[in-house]
Amino acid sequence: MRTVRLLCTGMLLSFLLGCQAYSDGSTRTTGEFADDVQIKAAVKLRLLNDPEVKGLQVGVSVAKGVVTLRGRVPSDYARQKALRIAGETGSVNGVEDRLTIVE
């Protein structure tokens, strides 16, 4: 019974991720979508843990491994650090800077 429940849960998650992967009109596969979700979570967590960046004011989106950072940062140092943190996160193919410096 437990195996059947686990199998059904896995199939449901696969179905939901597969449907979500195409809802934005892109041609991402289920695997690419899952990778993007993991990258987004990792980048956001690292930004939140950094005191200079103030990650609550930085939005993170990911498409096909390319991270886009949007929002406000307090200095150019914080901007550069946010870009470096995103770029050093595993499986990132590139980083797009849409950050605004607000002093």
Protein backbone atom coordinates (compact mmCIF):
# COMPACT_ATOMS: atom_id res chain seq x y z
CA MET A 1 0.00 0.00 0.00
CA ARG A 2 2.81 2.39 0.89
CA THR A 3 4.56 1.68 -2.41
CA VAL A 4 1.40 2.43 -4.36
CA ARG A 5 0.90 5.71 -2.49
CA LEU A 6 4.52 6.70 -3.11
CA LEU A 7 4.21 5.81 -6.79
CA CYS A 8 0.97 7.81 -7.15
CA THR A 9 2.53 10.81 -5.40
CA GLY A 10 5.53 10.66 -7.73
CA MET A 11 3.32 10.45 -10.79
CA LEU A 12 1.22 13.39 -9.59
CA LEU A 13 4.31 15.52 -9.02
CA SER A 14 5.67 14.61 -12.45
CA PHE A 15 2.34 15.53 -14.03
CA LEU A 16 2.16 18.86 -12.20
CA LEU A 17 5.73 19.79 -13.02
CA GLY A 18 5.23 18.76 -16.62
CA CYS A 19 2.13 20.95 -16.95
CA GLN A 20 3.81 23.86 -15.22
CA ALA A 21 6.83 23.66 -17.50
CA TYR A 22 4.74 24.71 -20.47
CA SER A 23 2.36 27.19 -18.84
CA ASP A 24 4.66 30.13 -19.58
CA GLY A 25 4.79 29.34 -23.29
CA SER A 26 8.42 28.24 -23.21
CA THR A 27 9.81 25.01 -24.54
CA ARG A 28 11.46 23.94 -21.29
CA THR A 29 11.35 20.27 -20.50
CA THR A 30 10.16 18.98 -17.14
CA GLY A 31 13.78 18.43 -16.13
CA GLU A 32 14.79 21.96 -17.12
CA PHE A 33 11.86 23.38 -15.19
CA ALA A 34 12.81 21.35 -12.09
CA ASP A 35 16.43 22.51 -12.43
CA ASP A 36 15.28 26.13 -12.68
CA VAL A 37 13.17 25.76 -9.53
CA GLN A 38 16.14 24.33 -7.64
CA ILE A 39 18.46 27.08 -8.89
CA LYS A 40 15.95 29.78 -7.92
CA ALA A 41 15.59 28.38 -4.40
CA ALA A 42 19.36 28.08 -3.94
CA VAL A 43 20.08 31.61 -5.21
CA LYS A 44 17.30 33.17 -3.13
CA LEU A 45 18.45 31.37 0.02
CA ARG A 46 22.04 32.51 -0.49
CA LEU A 47 20.91 36.10 -1.09
CA LEU A 48 18.72 36.04 2.03
CA ASN A 49 21.66 34.81 4.11
CA ASP A 50 23.93 37.64 2.97
CA PRO A 51 23.76 40.78 5.16
CA GLU A 52 25.08 43.19 2.49
CA VAL A 53 22.70 42.17 -0.27
CA LYS A 54 19.48 42.28 1.77
CA GLY A 55 17.88 39.50 -0.26
CA LEU A 56 14.29 40.38 0.64
CA GLN A 57 14.45 43.25 -1.85
CA VAL A 58 15.90 41.14 -4.68
CA GLY A 59 13.63 39.12 -6.93
CA VAL A 60 15.00 36.00 -8.58
CA SER A 61 13.71 34.34 -11.74
CA VAL A 62 15.33 31.54 -13.73
CA ALA A 63 14.78 30.31 -17.28
CA LYS A 64 16.92 27.55 -18.76
CA GLY A 65 19.60 28.11 -16.13
CA VAL A 66 19.87 31.87 -16.68
CA VAL A 67 19.20 33.79 -13.47
CA THR A 68 17.62 37.26 -13.63
CA LEU A 69 17.97 39.47 -10.56
CA ARG A 70 15.49 42.34 -10.14
CA GLY A 71 14.99 44.80 -7.34
CA ARG A 72 16.86 47.28 -5.20
CA VAL A 73 20.21 47.02 -3.51
CA PRO A 74 21.85 49.57 -1.20
CA SER A 75 25.19 49.92 -3.04
CA ASP A 76 27.26 48.90 -6.04
CA TYR A 77 29.16 46.53 -3.72
CA ALA A 78 25.88 44.78 -2.83
CA ARG A 79 24.95 44.64 -6.53
CA GLN A 80 28.26 43.05 -7.49
CA LYS A 81 28.01 40.62 -4.58
CA ALA A 82 24.46 39.58 -5.57
CA LEU A 83 25.60 38.96 -9.13
CA ARG A 84 28.59 36.96 -7.89
CA ILE A 85 26.43 34.90 -5.51
CA ALA A 86 24.00 34.05 -8.32
CA GLY A 87 26.80 33.21 -10.75
CA GLU A 88 28.56 30.93 -8.26
CA THR A 89 25.43 28.91 -7.54
CA GLY A 90 25.57 25.44 -9.09
CA SER A 91 24.11 24.84 -12.58
CA VAL A 92 23.74 28.56 -13.41
CA ASN A 93 24.41 29.27 -17.10
CA GLY A 94 24.36 33.05 -16.82
CA VAL A 95 23.15 36.01 -14.79
CA GLU A 96 21.10 38.94 -16.06
CA ASP A 97 21.38 42.15 -14.04
CA ARG A 98 18.19 44.16 -13.57
CA LEU A 99 19.15 45.55 -10.16
CA THR A 100 18.79 49.19 -9.15
CA ILE A 101 21.13 50.87 -6.67
CA VAL A 102 19.23 52.89 -4.06
CA GLU A 103 21.36 54.74 -1.55
